[in-house]
Amino acid sequence: MKLLIFVTEDAHADATVDALVEQGLRVTRLATTGGFLRRGNTTLLVGIEDNQVERTLGIVKQAAPGTLSLTMDLERYERL
């Protein structure tokens, strides 16, 4: 399992979340601030299976070009 973290401009966040949800992916959305000019950003967290990484990256790349993407391996995932 992978955790994809996307940091995108606020202006692209709605379209990105909509595109991911339309494809059946679950998304957690966080309002974040950072960078030199302290502009508002949105951080999206998406937990997916390993074989969905490329497809998910493609969805985000199309919806929000220039988005920062981080991919992390999840050793353990459980709902408590």
C-alpha atoms as a PDB file:
ATOM      1  CA  MET A   1       0.000   0.000   0.000  1.00  0.00           C
ATOM      2  CA  LYS A   2       1.147   3.559  -0.728  1.00  0.00           C
ATOM      3  CA  LEU A   3       0.369   6.979   0.675  1.00  0.00           C
ATOM      4  CA  LEU A   4       0.464   9.718  -1.945  1.00  0.00           C
ATOM      5  CA  ILE A   5       0.810  13.269  -0.668  1.00  0.00           C
ATOM      6  CA  PHE A   6       0.007  16.080  -3.068  1.00  0.00           C
ATOM      7  CA  VAL A   7       0.647  19.755  -2.376  1.00  0.00           C
ATOM      8  CA  THR A   8      -1.241  21.935  -4.833  1.00  0.00           C
ATOM      9  CA  GLU A   9      -2.388  25.511  -5.180  1.00  0.00           C
ATOM     10  CA  ASP A  10      -5.768  26.264  -3.625  1.00  0.00           C
ATOM     11  CA  ALA A  11      -7.134  27.173  -7.056  1.00  0.00           C
ATOM     12  CA  HIS A  12      -6.596  23.593  -8.294  1.00  0.00           C
ATOM     13  CA  ALA A  13      -7.774  21.769  -5.183  1.00  0.00           C
ATOM     14  CA  ASP A  14     -11.491  21.399  -5.952  1.00  0.00           C
ATOM     15  CA  ALA A  15     -10.927  20.057  -9.461  1.00  0.00           C
ATOM     16  CA  THR A  16      -8.254  17.662  -8.207  1.00  0.00           C
ATOM     17  CA  VAL A  17     -10.400  16.275  -5.402  1.00  0.00           C
ATOM     18  CA  ASP A  18     -13.360  15.910  -7.776  1.00  0.00           C
ATOM     19  CA  ALA A  19     -11.234  14.040 -10.345  1.00  0.00           C
ATOM     20  CA  LEU A  20      -9.858  11.645  -7.728  1.00  0.00           C
ATOM     21  CA  VAL A  21     -13.261  10.956  -6.149  1.00  0.00           C
ATOM     22  CA  GLU A  22     -14.815  10.336  -9.591  1.00  0.00           C
ATOM     23  CA  GLN A  23     -12.288   7.528 -10.010  1.00  0.00           C
ATOM     24  CA  GLY A  24     -13.336   5.960  -6.706  1.00  0.00           C
ATOM     25  CA  LEU A  25     -10.354   7.142  -4.676  1.00  0.00           C
ATOM     26  CA  ARG A  26     -10.652   8.435  -1.120  1.00  0.00           C
ATOM     27  CA  VAL A  27      -9.022  11.766  -0.417  1.00  0.00           C
ATOM     28  CA  THR A  28      -8.241  13.663   2.770  1.00  0.00           C
ATOM     29  CA  ARG A  29      -7.918  17.399   2.206  1.00  0.00           C
ATOM     30  CA  LEU A  30      -5.856  19.683   4.465  1.00  0.00           C
ATOM     31  CA  ALA A  31      -5.485  23.455   4.229  1.00  0.00           C
ATOM     32  CA  THR A  32      -1.782  24.311   4.415  1.00  0.00           C
ATOM     33  CA  THR A  33       0.388  27.398   4.111  1.00  0.00           C
ATOM     34  CA  GLY A  34       3.990  27.585   3.082  1.00  0.00           C
ATOM     35  CA  GLY A  35       6.591  28.828   0.680  1.00  0.00           C
ATOM     36  CA  PHE A  36       8.362  32.131   0.427  1.00  0.00           C
ATOM     37  CA  LEU A  37       5.210  34.202  -0.053  1.00  0.00           C
ATOM     38  CA  ARG A  38       3.179  32.249   2.513  1.00  0.00           C
ATOM     39  CA  ARG A  39       0.511  31.463  -0.044  1.00  0.00           C
ATOM     40  CA  GLY A  40      -2.322  29.100   0.741  1.00  0.00           C
ATOM     41  CA  ASN A  41      -1.943  25.565  -0.503  1.00  0.00           C
ATOM     42  CA  THR A  42      -3.961  22.419  -0.189  1.00  0.00           C
ATOM     43  CA  THR A  43      -2.394  19.124   0.821  1.00  0.00           C
ATOM     44  CA  LEU A  44      -4.172  15.974  -0.309  1.00  0.00           C
ATOM     45  CA  LEU A  45      -3.590  12.560   1.231  1.00  0.00           C
ATOM     46  CA  VAL A  46      -4.530   9.519  -0.847  1.00  0.00           C
ATOM     47  CA  GLY A  47      -4.042   5.929   0.325  1.00  0.00           C
ATOM     48  CA  ILE A  48      -3.930   3.479  -2.585  1.00  0.00           C
ATOM     49  CA  GLU A  49      -2.751   0.037  -3.621  1.00  0.00           C
ATOM     50  CA  ASP A  50       0.665  -0.199  -5.273  1.00  0.00           C
ATOM     51  CA  ASN A  51      -0.803  -0.862  -8.723  1.00  0.00           C
ATOM     52  CA  GLN A  52      -2.811   2.407  -8.660  1.00  0.00           C
ATOM     53  CA  VAL A  53       0.135   4.795  -8.282  1.00  0.00           C
ATOM     54  CA  GLU A  54       0.703   5.682 -11.942  1.00  0.00           C
ATOM     55  CA  ARG A  55      -3.003   6.111 -12.654  1.00  0.00           C
ATOM     56  CA  THR A  56      -3.432   8.391  -9.622  1.00  0.00           C
ATOM     57  CA  LEU A  57      -0.389  10.481 -10.544  1.00  0.00           C
ATOM     58  CA  GLY A  58      -1.823  10.893 -14.045  1.00  0.00           C
ATOM     59  CA  ILE A  59      -5.166  12.104 -12.692  1.00  0.00           C
ATOM     60  CA  VAL A  60      -3.498  14.735 -10.522  1.00  0.00           C
ATOM     61  CA  LYS A  61      -1.067  15.801 -13.239  1.00  0.00           C
ATOM     62  CA  GLN A  62      -3.991  16.482 -15.568  1.00  0.00           C
ATOM     63  CA  ALA A  63      -6.149  18.251 -12.960  1.00  0.00           C
ATOM     64  CA  ALA A  64      -3.377  20.296 -11.335  1.00  0.00           C
ATOM     65  CA  PRO A  65      -0.149  20.677 -13.325  1.00  0.00           C
ATOM     66  CA  GLY A  66       2.821  21.664 -11.192  1.00  0.00           C
ATOM     67  CA  THR A  67       1.583  19.850  -8.081  1.00  0.00           C
ATOM     68  CA  LEU A  68       4.254  18.484  -5.734  1.00  0.00           C
ATOM     69  CA  SER A  69       3.866  14.740  -5.234  1.00  0.00           C
ATOM     70  CA  LEU A  70       5.377  12.491  -2.563  1.00  0.00           C
ATOM     71  CA  THR A  71       4.938   8.719  -2.519  1.00  0.00           C
ATOM     72  CA  MET A  72       5.466   6.777   0.682  1.00  0.00           C
ATOM     73  CA  ASP A  73       5.297   3.074   1.435  1.00  0.00           C
ATOM     74  CA  LEU A  74       2.792   2.164   4.148  1.00  0.00           C
ATOM     75  CA  GLU A  75       4.009  -0.718   6.230  1.00  0.00           C
ATOM     76  CA  ARG A  76       0.795  -0.932   8.180  1.00  0.00           C
ATOM     77  CA  TYR A  77      -2.698   0.421   7.652  1.00  0.00           C
ATOM     78  CA  GLU A  78      -5.731  -0.293   9.772  1.00  0.00           C
ATOM     79  CA  ARG A  79      -9.010   1.355  10.649  1.00  0.00           C
ATOM     80  CA  LEU A  80      -9.487   1.645  14.429  1.00  0.00           C
END
